[in-house]
Protein backbone atom coordinates (compact mmCIF):
# COMPACT_ATOMS: atom_id res chain seq x y z
CA MET A 1 175.28 -55.47 104.62
CA SER A 2 177.91 -52.99 103.60
CA ILE A 3 179.99 -50.98 106.04
CA ASN A 4 179.97 -47.20 105.99
CA LEU A 5 183.53 -46.00 105.33
CA ILE A 6 182.98 -42.81 107.34
CA GLU A 7 181.10 -44.31 110.31
CA TYR A 8 182.41 -47.82 110.95
CA CYS A 9 179.57 -48.62 113.33
CA VAL A 10 176.86 -48.05 110.68
CA TYR A 11 175.96 -50.78 108.21
CA LYS A 12 173.52 -50.50 105.31
CA LYS A 13 171.65 -53.07 103.24
CA ILE A 14 169.73 -52.15 100.10
CA SER A 15 167.58 -54.57 98.14
CA GLY A 16 165.41 -52.94 95.50
CA SER A 17 163.38 -50.29 97.30
CA SER A 18 164.06 -51.84 100.73
CA VAL A 19 166.68 -50.21 102.93
CA ALA A 20 167.95 -51.25 106.36
CA TYR A 21 170.53 -49.68 108.66
CA LEU A 22 172.26 -51.43 111.53
CA VAL A 23 173.85 -49.03 114.03
CA LEU A 24 176.20 -50.38 116.70
CA TYR A 25 177.56 -48.66 119.80
CA VAL A 26 179.41 -50.80 122.36
CA ASP A 27 176.68 -53.32 123.28
CA ASP A 28 173.71 -51.35 121.91
CA THR A 29 172.25 -52.09 118.51
CA LEU A 30 169.65 -50.17 116.56
CA LEU A 31 168.08 -51.71 113.46
CA ILE A 32 165.94 -49.44 111.31
CA GLY A 33 164.48 -49.68 107.83
CA ASN A 34 161.47 -49.42 105.59
CA ASP A 35 160.70 -53.13 105.10
CA VAL A 36 159.42 -55.18 108.06
CA LYS A 37 160.24 -58.52 106.39
CA MET A 38 163.82 -57.46 105.66
CA LEU A 39 164.25 -56.28 109.26
CA GLY A 40 162.89 -59.61 110.51
CA ASP A 41 165.29 -61.54 108.28
CA ILE A 42 168.24 -59.47 109.51
CA LYS A 43 167.21 -59.97 113.16
CA ALA A 44 166.84 -63.71 112.59
CA TRP A 45 170.31 -63.92 111.03
CA LEU A 46 171.89 -61.79 113.75
CA SER A 47 170.36 -63.99 116.46
CA THR A 48 172.12 -67.02 114.92
CA GLN A 49 175.46 -65.19 115.10
CA PHE A 50 175.17 -63.42 118.46
CA SER A 51 173.39 -63.73 121.77
CA MET A 52 170.85 -60.93 121.62
CA LYS A 53 167.57 -59.80 123.12
CA ASP A 54 164.88 -58.00 121.11
CA MET A 55 163.83 -54.97 123.15
CA GLY A 56 161.06 -53.98 120.72
CA GLU A 57 160.75 -50.50 119.32
CA ALA A 58 163.39 -48.10 120.59
CA SER A 59 162.18 -45.03 122.43
CA TYR A 60 165.64 -43.95 123.65
CA ILE A 61 169.15 -44.65 122.37
CA LEU A 62 172.31 -43.11 123.84
CA GLY A 63 170.22 -40.56 125.74
CA ILE A 64 168.38 -39.44 122.62
CA LYS A 65 164.58 -39.74 122.67
CA ILE A 66 163.04 -41.15 119.50
CA TYR A 67 159.49 -40.10 118.71
CA ARG A 68 157.25 -41.19 115.86
CA ASP A 69 154.04 -40.09 114.24
CA ARG A 70 153.28 -42.93 111.88
CA SER A 71 150.06 -41.35 110.58
CA ARG A 72 152.14 -38.41 109.31
CA ARG A 73 155.16 -40.62 108.42
CA MET A 74 157.40 -38.59 110.72
CA LEU A 75 160.33 -39.59 112.88
CA GLY A 76 162.13 -37.22 115.24
CA LEU A 77 164.97 -37.13 117.72
CA THR A 78 165.34 -34.93 120.78
CA GLN A 79 167.87 -34.49 123.57
CA SER A 80 165.57 -32.46 125.83
CA SER A 81 166.28 -34.74 128.82
CA TYR A 82 170.00 -34.16 128.40
CA ILE A 83 169.51 -30.39 128.08
CA GLU A 84 167.43 -30.34 131.28
CA LYS A 85 170.11 -32.37 133.06
CA VAL A 86 172.86 -29.93 131.99
CA LEU A 87 170.76 -26.90 133.00
CA LYS A 88 170.16 -28.46 136.42
CA ARG A 89 173.84 -29.34 136.84
CA PHE A 90 174.84 -25.72 136.32
CA ARG A 91 171.84 -24.39 138.28
CA MET A 92 170.37 -22.73 135.22
CA GLU A 93 166.91 -24.36 135.17
CA HIS A 94 165.25 -20.94 135.30
CA LEU A 95 166.73 -20.08 131.86
CA LYS A 96 164.48 -22.53 129.98
């Protein structure tokens, strides 16, 4: 894996048409890519180096909701929960 010189917590591995990204934030890790076997190999290697727990597919990371529509090959991110929390904090829920 190569480190990203702009974002030091983002690593990338490319092998042919396979791409994987490893994103780290404190004790949270997100592994994404387009090749299930490559992702499995990376997880297996990481588990020999670190104590880790596979939490399955991510639905939230750092307060950001991840949603997928595999049939349409779409991936999206939303911070609607955070926006609602901020609106409530400033008593502005009615402005939705």
